[in-house]
Amino acid sequence: MHPSVIKAESLSKLVSNKQEQLTILENINLDIKEGESIAIVGTSGAGKSTLMTLLAGLDTPTSGSISLLDKPISEMNDEERALIRSESVGFVFQSFLLVPSLSALDNVILPCLLKGEPEDRERAQQLLASVGLEHRMRHFPTQLSGGEQQRVALARAFMIQPKVLFADEPTGNLDQTTAEKVIQLLFELNKQHGTTLVLVTHDMQLADLCDRRLHIQAGKLEEC
């Protein structure tokens, strides 16, 4: 039996605007095991990205508890949560979020610096080669296509050998053919590194590649 990597109990998130309190997520219970790939699906505005930011410790719930890698992140302060993320969590976003002033190689090395570790240039080069970009290492983000930028972002996400990878609409800005290549790479790298994958997507084909699908509707979660 694989251990739990992410556990959420009675999780709710409310936000207030001037008029009223809006319930974004309501009473969510969730258990994700080591090495699993999970797709969180649902329509736009259903609360998918909010759930991901809570599970990754980028935000805190209004009520309920979350543990990430056996750490009670919902009870920790920003600094403690940031430390867990820098050590064990990788991210891939729809908008790539590469640093424009850094080459592809330096973007991939960046997590080492944020973690306070020596630059492992050799590992960064190997990761870029594994996503087919060995000939583009010195290029800057503006010199790369969208698909290439997302492949750099993938290589960067695996740089610290994360235990958990969160991917938020990773193919949202890519055309169909490029998206398929990026998805293939994502799952290959994931398998190779034994990472637990939490994927937020509205693309059902992508969701079907995961071990489990969780559907969010009006802030409530159900397993498909």
C-alpha atoms as a PDB file:
ATOM      1  CA  MET A   1       0.000   0.000   0.000  1.00  0.00           C
ATOM      2  CA  HIS A   2       1.449   3.330  -1.021  1.00  0.00           C
ATOM      3  CA  PRO A   3       1.591   6.080   1.606  1.00  0.00           C
ATOM      4  CA  SER A   4      -0.496   9.243   1.272  1.00  0.00           C
ATOM      5  CA  VAL A   5       1.329  12.195  -0.214  1.00  0.00           C
ATOM      6  CA  ILE A   6      -1.520  14.686  -0.022  1.00  0.00           C
ATOM      7  CA  LYS A   7      -4.461  14.489   2.326  1.00  0.00           C
ATOM      8  CA  ALA A   8      -7.277  17.019   2.670  1.00  0.00           C
ATOM      9  CA  GLU A   9     -10.022  16.765   5.271  1.00  0.00           C
ATOM     10  CA  SER A  10     -13.217  18.869   5.395  1.00  0.00           C
ATOM     11  CA  LEU A  11     -11.527  21.509   3.283  1.00  0.00           C
ATOM     12  CA  SER A  12     -13.424  24.745   2.598  1.00  0.00           C
ATOM     13  CA  LYS A  13     -12.415  28.067   1.074  1.00  0.00           C
ATOM     14  CA  LEU A  14     -14.537  31.196   1.352  1.00  0.00           C
ATOM     15  CA  VAL A  15     -13.733  34.612  -0.061  1.00  0.00           C
ATOM     16  CA  SER A  16     -15.446  37.861   0.854  1.00  0.00           C
ATOM     17  CA  ASN A  17     -16.254  40.667  -1.484  1.00  0.00           C
ATOM     18  CA  LYS A  18     -18.044  43.833  -0.347  1.00  0.00           C
ATOM     19  CA  GLN A  19     -21.531  42.368  -0.643  1.00  0.00           C
ATOM     20  CA  GLU A  20     -21.240  38.750   0.422  1.00  0.00           C
ATOM     21  CA  GLN A  21     -19.170  35.687   1.225  1.00  0.00           C
ATOM     22  CA  LEU A  22     -18.609  33.358  -1.696  1.00  0.00           C
ATOM     23  CA  THR A  23     -17.960  29.677  -1.141  1.00  0.00           C
ATOM     24  CA  ILE A  24     -15.282  28.584  -3.616  1.00  0.00           C
ATOM     25  CA  LEU A  25     -14.732  25.095  -2.175  1.00  0.00           C
ATOM     26  CA  GLU A  26     -16.933  23.220   0.283  1.00  0.00           C
ATOM     27  CA  ASN A  27     -16.130  20.289   2.547  1.00  0.00           C
ATOM     28  CA  ILE A  28     -13.585  18.570   0.311  1.00  0.00           C
ATOM     29  CA  ASN A  29     -11.972  15.284   1.339  1.00  0.00           C
ATOM     30  CA  LEU A  30      -9.128  13.915  -0.681  1.00  0.00           C
ATOM     31  CA  ASP A  31      -6.360  11.340  -0.401  1.00  0.00           C
ATOM     32  CA  ILE A  32      -3.609  11.104  -3.015  1.00  0.00           C
ATOM     33  CA  LYS A  33      -1.109   8.251  -2.801  1.00  0.00           C
ATOM     34  CA  GLU A  34       2.570   8.259  -3.675  1.00  0.00           C
ATOM     35  CA  GLY A  35       3.219   7.908  -7.414  1.00  0.00           C
ATOM     36  CA  GLU A  36      -0.416   8.466  -8.418  1.00  0.00           C
ATOM     37  CA  SER A  37      -1.436  10.792 -11.231  1.00  0.00           C
ATOM     38  CA  ILE A  38      -4.631  12.708 -10.480  1.00  0.00           C
ATOM     39  CA  ALA A  39      -6.598  14.954 -12.810  1.00  0.00           C
ATOM     40  CA  ILE A  40      -8.769  17.672 -11.275  1.00  0.00           C
ATOM     41  CA  VAL A  41     -11.402  18.529 -13.855  1.00  0.00           C
ATOM     42  CA  GLY A  42     -14.390  20.853 -14.022  1.00  0.00           C
ATOM     43  CA  THR A  43     -15.684  23.905 -15.834  1.00  0.00           C
ATOM     44  CA  SER A  44     -13.991  27.276 -15.680  1.00  0.00           C
ATOM     45  CA  GLY A  45     -14.565  28.909 -12.284  1.00  0.00           C
ATOM     46  CA  ALA A  46     -15.483  25.608 -10.586  1.00  0.00           C
ATOM     47  CA  GLY A  47     -12.587  25.952  -8.123  1.00  0.00           C
ATOM     48  CA  LYS A  48      -9.956  23.692  -9.743  1.00  0.00           C
ATOM     49  CA  SER A  49      -7.047  26.136  -9.510  1.00  0.00           C
ATOM     50  CA  THR A  50      -8.091  27.237  -6.005  1.00  0.00           C
ATOM     51  CA  LEU A  51      -7.926  23.609  -4.864  1.00  0.00           C
ATOM     52  CA  MET A  52      -4.491  23.208  -6.427  1.00  0.00           C
ATOM     53  CA  THR A  53      -3.115  26.350  -4.726  1.00  0.00           C
ATOM     54  CA  LEU A  54      -4.385  25.036  -1.369  1.00  0.00           C
ATOM     55  CA  LEU A  55      -2.931  21.537  -1.845  1.00  0.00           C
ATOM     56  CA  ALA A  56       0.419  23.051  -2.858  1.00  0.00           C
ATOM     57  CA  GLY A  57       0.442  25.356   0.169  1.00  0.00           C
ATOM     58  CA  LEU A  58       0.342  28.520  -1.964  1.00  0.00           C
ATOM     59  CA  ASP A  59      -2.773  29.575  -0.057  1.00  0.00           C
ATOM     60  CA  THR A  60      -4.504  28.522   3.174  1.00  0.00           C
ATOM     61  CA  PRO A  61      -8.022  27.099   3.592  1.00  0.00           C
ATOM     62  CA  THR A  62     -10.801  28.852   5.514  1.00  0.00           C
ATOM     63  CA  SER A  63     -11.431  25.615   7.389  1.00  0.00           C
ATOM     64  CA  GLY A  64     -10.292  22.007   7.290  1.00  0.00           C
ATOM     65  CA  SER A  65      -6.799  20.542   7.170  1.00  0.00           C
ATOM     66  CA  ILE A  66      -4.231  19.622   4.522  1.00  0.00           C
ATOM     67  CA  SER A  67      -1.126  17.543   4.862  1.00  0.00           C
ATOM     68  CA  LEU A  68       1.507  17.517   2.131  1.00  0.00           C
ATOM     69  CA  LEU A  69       4.255  14.889   2.405  1.00  0.00           C
ATOM     70  CA  ASP A  70       3.170  14.220   6.006  1.00  0.00           C
ATOM     71  CA  LYS A  71       3.527  17.888   6.962  1.00  0.00           C
ATOM     72  CA  PRO A  72       0.461  19.784   8.250  1.00  0.00           C
ATOM     73  CA  ILE A  73       0.797  22.631   5.752  1.00  0.00           C
ATOM     74  CA  SER A  74      -2.570  24.196   6.601  1.00  0.00           C
ATOM     75  CA  GLU A  75      -1.158  24.989  10.068  1.00  0.00           C
ATOM     76  CA  MET A  76       2.194  26.345   8.898  1.00  0.00           C
ATOM     77  CA  ASN A  77       3.281  29.898   8.183  1.00  0.00           C
ATOM     78  CA  ASP A  78       4.276  31.147   4.714  1.00  0.00           C
ATOM     79  CA  GLU A  79       7.968  30.583   5.331  1.00  0.00           C
ATOM     80  CA  GLU A  80       7.559  26.970   6.461  1.00  0.00           C
ATOM     81  CA  ARG A  81       5.325  26.175   3.499  1.00  0.00           C
ATOM     82  CA  ALA A  82       7.763  27.847   1.072  1.00  0.00           C
ATOM     83  CA  LEU A  83      10.559  25.646   2.441  1.00  0.00           C
ATOM     84  CA  ILE A  84       8.606  22.438   1.710  1.00  0.00           C
ATOM     85  CA  ARG A  85       7.835  23.679  -1.806  1.00  0.00           C
ATOM     86  CA  SER A  86      11.453  24.569  -2.573  1.00  0.00           C
ATOM     87  CA  GLU A  87      12.611  21.141  -1.395  1.00  0.00           C
ATOM     88  CA  SER A  88       9.957  18.772  -2.699  1.00  0.00           C
ATOM     89  CA  VAL A  89       7.432  20.371  -5.065  1.00  0.00           C
ATOM     90  CA  GLY A  90       7.570  21.165  -8.782  1.00  0.00           C
ATOM     91  CA  PHE A  91       5.185  23.404 -10.736  1.00  0.00           C
ATOM     92  CA  VAL A  92       4.198  23.742 -14.389  1.00  0.00           C
ATOM     93  CA  PHE A  93       1.790  26.542 -15.282  1.00  0.00           C
ATOM     94  CA  GLN A  94      -0.183  27.456 -18.381  1.00  0.00           C
ATOM     95  CA  SER A  95       1.866  30.642 -18.846  1.00  0.00           C
ATOM     96  CA  PHE A  96       5.319  28.932 -18.536  1.00  0.00           C
ATOM     97  CA  LEU A  97       6.615  31.604 -16.056  1.00  0.00           C
ATOM     98  CA  LEU A  98      10.195  31.505 -17.297  1.00  0.00           C
ATOM     99  CA  VAL A  99      12.562  34.314 -16.310  1.00  0.00           C
ATOM    100  CA  PRO A 100      13.003  36.347 -19.536  1.00  0.00           C
ATOM    101  CA  SER A 101      16.545  37.503 -18.720  1.00  0.00           C
ATOM    102  CA  LEU A 102      17.849  33.949 -18.214  1.00  0.00           C
ATOM    103  CA  SER A 103      18.790  31.378 -20.854  1.00  0.00           C
ATOM    104  CA  ALA A 104      16.899  28.073 -21.017  1.00  0.00           C
ATOM    105  CA  LEU A 105      19.735  26.414 -19.090  1.00  0.00           C
ATOM    106  CA  ASP A 106      19.786  29.071 -16.359  1.00  0.00           C
ATOM    107  CA  ASN A 107      15.999  28.872 -16.028  1.00  0.00           C
ATOM    108  CA  VAL A 108      16.315  25.130 -15.371  1.00  0.00           C
ATOM    109  CA  ILE A 109      19.126  25.694 -12.827  1.00  0.00           C
ATOM    110  CA  LEU A 110      17.076  28.319 -10.953  1.00  0.00           C
ATOM    111  CA  PRO A 111      15.394  25.914  -8.452  1.00  0.00           C
ATOM    112  CA  CYS A 112      18.882  24.915  -7.183  1.00  0.00           C
ATOM    113  CA  LEU A 113      19.642  28.535  -6.357  1.00  0.00           C
ATOM    114  CA  LEU A 114      16.269  29.055  -4.697  1.00  0.00           C
ATOM    115  CA  LYS A 115      16.945  25.970  -2.598  1.00  0.00           C
ATOM    116  CA  GLY A 116      20.416  27.261  -1.706  1.00  0.00           C
ATOM    117  CA  GLU A 117      22.173  24.352  -3.433  1.00  0.00           C
ATOM    118  CA  PRO A 118      25.159  24.451  -5.781  1.00  0.00           C
ATOM    119  CA  GLU A 119      24.327  24.779  -9.476  1.00  0.00           C
ATOM    120  CA  ASP A 120      24.027  21.340 -11.015  1.00  0.00           C
ATOM    121  CA  ARG A 121      24.630  22.350 -14.627  1.00  0.00           C
ATOM    122  CA  GLU A 122      25.138  18.764 -15.752  1.00  0.00           C
ATOM    123  CA  ARG A 123      21.729  17.688 -14.448  1.00  0.00           C
ATOM    124  CA  ALA A 124      20.101  20.745 -16.061  1.00  0.00           C
ATOM    125  CA  GLN A 125      21.705  19.864 -19.397  1.00  0.00           C
ATOM    126  CA  GLN A 126      20.532  16.241 -19.097  1.00  0.00           C
ATOM    127  CA  LEU A 127      16.968  17.371 -18.342  1.00  0.00           C
ATOM    128  CA  LEU A 128      16.931  19.762 -21.306  1.00  0.00           C
ATOM    129  CA  ALA A 129      18.260  16.964 -23.510  1.00  0.00           C
ATOM    130  CA  SER A 130      15.514  14.655 -22.203  1.00  0.00           C
ATOM    131  CA  VAL A 131      12.883  17.154 -23.443  1.00  0.00           C
ATOM    132  CA  GLY A 132      14.662  17.488 -26.820  1.00  0.00           C
ATOM    133  CA  LEU A 133      16.215  20.931 -26.247  1.00  0.00           C
ATOM    134  CA  GLU A 134      19.929  20.142 -26.122  1.00  0.00           C
ATOM    135  CA  HIS A 135      20.427  22.541 -29.068  1.00  0.00           C
ATOM    136  CA  ARG A 136      18.477  25.421 -27.433  1.00  0.00           C
ATOM    137  CA  MET A 137      20.160  25.658 -24.019  1.00  0.00           C
ATOM    138  CA  ARG A 138      21.636  29.110 -24.582  1.00  0.00           C
ATOM    139  CA  HIS A 139      18.448  30.590 -26.037  1.00  0.00           C
ATOM    140  CA  PHE A 140      16.324  33.043 -24.077  1.00  0.00           C
ATOM    141  CA  PRO A 141      12.546  32.544 -23.641  1.00  0.00           C
ATOM    142  CA  THR A 142      11.719  35.136 -26.332  1.00  0.00           C
ATOM    143  CA  GLN A 143      13.745  33.082 -28.841  1.00  0.00           C
ATOM    144  CA  LEU A 144      11.751  29.930 -28.096  1.00  0.00           C
ATOM    145  CA  SER A 145       8.316  28.831 -29.292  1.00  0.00           C
ATOM    146  CA  GLY A 146       5.507  28.239 -26.802  1.00  0.00           C
ATOM    147  CA  GLY A 147       6.052  24.492 -26.917  1.00  0.00           C
ATOM    148  CA  GLU A 148       9.787  24.912 -26.321  1.00  0.00           C
ATOM    149  CA  GLN A 149       9.152  27.264 -23.407  1.00  0.00           C
ATOM    150  CA  GLN A 150       6.810  24.730 -21.820  1.00  0.00           C
ATOM    151  CA  ARG A 151       9.442  22.009 -22.268  1.00  0.00           C
ATOM    152  CA  VAL A 152      11.971  24.250 -20.487  1.00  0.00           C
ATOM    153  CA  ALA A 153       9.375  24.688 -17.709  1.00  0.00           C
ATOM    154  CA  LEU A 154       9.009  20.881 -17.507  1.00  0.00           C
ATOM    155  CA  ALA A 155      12.768  20.394 -17.240  1.00  0.00           C
ATOM    156  CA  ARG A 156      12.883  23.083 -14.527  1.00  0.00           C
ATOM    157  CA  ALA A 157      10.051  21.407 -12.593  1.00  0.00           C
ATOM    158  CA  PHE A 158      12.050  18.141 -12.373  1.00  0.00           C
ATOM    159  CA  MET A 159      15.336  19.860 -11.478  1.00  0.00           C
ATOM    160  CA  ILE A 160      14.981  19.353  -7.712  1.00  0.00           C
ATOM    161  CA  GLN A 161      13.587  15.816  -8.145  1.00  0.00           C
ATOM    162  CA  PRO A 162      10.221  16.813  -6.722  1.00  0.00           C
ATOM    163  CA  LYS A 163       8.101  14.313  -4.851  1.00  0.00           C
ATOM    164  CA  VAL A 164       4.974  16.087  -6.099  1.00  0.00           C
ATOM    165  CA  LEU A 165       4.385  17.929  -9.362  1.00  0.00           C
ATOM    166  CA  PHE A 166       1.471  20.338  -9.738  1.00  0.00           C
ATOM    167  CA  ALA A 167       0.518  21.187 -13.313  1.00  0.00           C
ATOM    168  CA  ASP A 168      -2.143  23.847 -13.926  1.00  0.00           C
ATOM    169  CA  GLU A 169      -3.536  23.688 -17.506  1.00  0.00           C
ATOM    170  CA  PRO A 170       0.005  22.858 -18.773  1.00  0.00           C
ATOM    171  CA  THR A 171      -1.149  22.722 -22.397  1.00  0.00           C
ATOM    172  CA  GLY A 172      -3.595  25.635 -22.249  1.00  0.00           C
ATOM    173  CA  ASN A 173      -1.457  27.919 -24.418  1.00  0.00           C
ATOM    174  CA  LEU A 174      -0.303  25.316 -26.932  1.00  0.00           C
ATOM    175  CA  ASP A 175      -1.685  24.059 -30.235  1.00  0.00           C
ATOM    176  CA  GLN A 176      -2.930  20.453 -30.411  1.00  0.00           C
ATOM    177  CA  THR A 177       0.230  18.840 -31.852  1.00  0.00           C
ATOM    178  CA  THR A 178       2.591  20.661 -29.489  1.00  0.00           C
ATOM    179  CA  ALA A 179       0.266  19.942 -26.561  1.00  0.00           C
ATOM    180  CA  GLU A 180       0.372  16.215 -27.302  1.00  0.00           C
ATOM    181  CA  LYS A 181       4.184  16.234 -27.325  1.00  0.00           C
ATOM    182  CA  VAL A 182       4.349  18.141 -24.037  1.00  0.00           C
ATOM    183  CA  ILE A 183       1.829  15.767 -22.418  1.00  0.00           C
ATOM    184  CA  GLN A 184       3.832  12.751 -23.550  1.00  0.00           C
ATOM    185  CA  LEU A 185       6.989  14.270 -22.047  1.00  0.00           C
ATOM    186  CA  LEU A 186       5.191  15.171 -18.834  1.00  0.00           C
ATOM    187  CA  PHE A 187       4.030  11.593 -18.265  1.00  0.00           C
ATOM    188  CA  GLU A 188       7.389  10.102 -19.336  1.00  0.00           C
ATOM    189  CA  LEU A 189       9.339  12.323 -16.941  1.00  0.00           C
ATOM    190  CA  ASN A 190       6.802  11.668 -14.226  1.00  0.00           C
ATOM    191  CA  LYS A 191       7.150   7.905 -14.566  1.00  0.00           C
ATOM    192  CA  GLN A 192      10.920   8.091 -14.771  1.00  0.00           C
ATOM    193  CA  HIS A 193      11.153  10.140 -11.565  1.00  0.00           C
ATOM    194  CA  GLY A 194       8.326   8.369  -9.689  1.00  0.00           C
ATOM    195  CA  THR A 195       6.656  11.700  -9.006  1.00  0.00           C
ATOM    196  CA  THR A 196       3.085  12.149  -7.780  1.00  0.00           C
ATOM    197  CA  LEU A 197       1.243  14.255 -10.353  1.00  0.00           C
ATOM    198  CA  VAL A 198      -1.672  16.583  -9.650  1.00  0.00           C
ATOM    199  CA  LEU A 199      -2.996  17.979 -12.894  1.00  0.00           C
ATOM    200  CA  VAL A 200      -5.623  20.702 -13.258  1.00  0.00           C
ATOM    201  CA  THR A 201      -7.219  20.606 -16.702  1.00  0.00           C
ATOM    202  CA  HIS A 202     -10.437  21.017 -18.645  1.00  0.00           C
ATOM    203  CA  ASP A 203      -9.027  18.741 -21.373  1.00  0.00           C
ATOM    204  CA  MET A 204     -10.704  15.355 -20.953  1.00  0.00           C
ATOM    205  CA  GLN A 205      -8.186  13.551 -23.184  1.00  0.00           C
ATOM    206  CA  LEU A 206      -5.423  14.710 -20.889  1.00  0.00           C
ATOM    207  CA  ALA A 207      -7.464  13.799 -17.787  1.00  0.00           C
ATOM    208  CA  ASP A 208      -8.011  10.266 -19.141  1.00  0.00           C
ATOM    209  CA  LEU A 209      -4.256   9.643 -19.080  1.00  0.00           C
ATOM    210  CA  CYS A 210      -4.238   9.997 -15.292  1.00  0.00           C
ATOM    211  CA  ASP A 211      -4.881   7.183 -12.805  1.00  0.00           C
ATOM    212  CA  ARG A 212      -7.867   9.000 -11.295  1.00  0.00           C
ATOM    213  CA  ARG A 213     -10.180  11.842 -12.216  1.00  0.00           C
ATOM    214  CA  LEU A 214     -11.676  14.157  -9.617  1.00  0.00           C
ATOM    215  CA  HIS A 215     -14.503  16.381 -10.749  1.00  0.00           C
ATOM    216  CA  ILE A 216     -15.234  19.749  -9.146  1.00  0.00           C
ATOM    217  CA  GLN A 217     -18.640  21.244  -9.576  1.00  0.00           C
ATOM    218  CA  ALA A 218     -19.893  24.274  -7.662  1.00  0.00           C
ATOM    219  CA  GLY A 219     -17.121  23.852  -5.092  1.00  0.00           C
ATOM    220  CA  LYS A 220     -17.822  20.166  -4.358  1.00  0.00           C
ATOM    221  CA  LEU A 221     -15.603  17.271  -5.328  1.00  0.00           C
ATOM    222  CA  GLU A 222     -16.593  13.887  -6.676  1.00  0.00           C
ATOM    223  CA  GLU A 223     -14.541  11.045  -8.067  1.00  0.00           C
ATOM    224  CA  CYS A 224     -15.333  10.095 -11.679  1.00  0.00           C
END
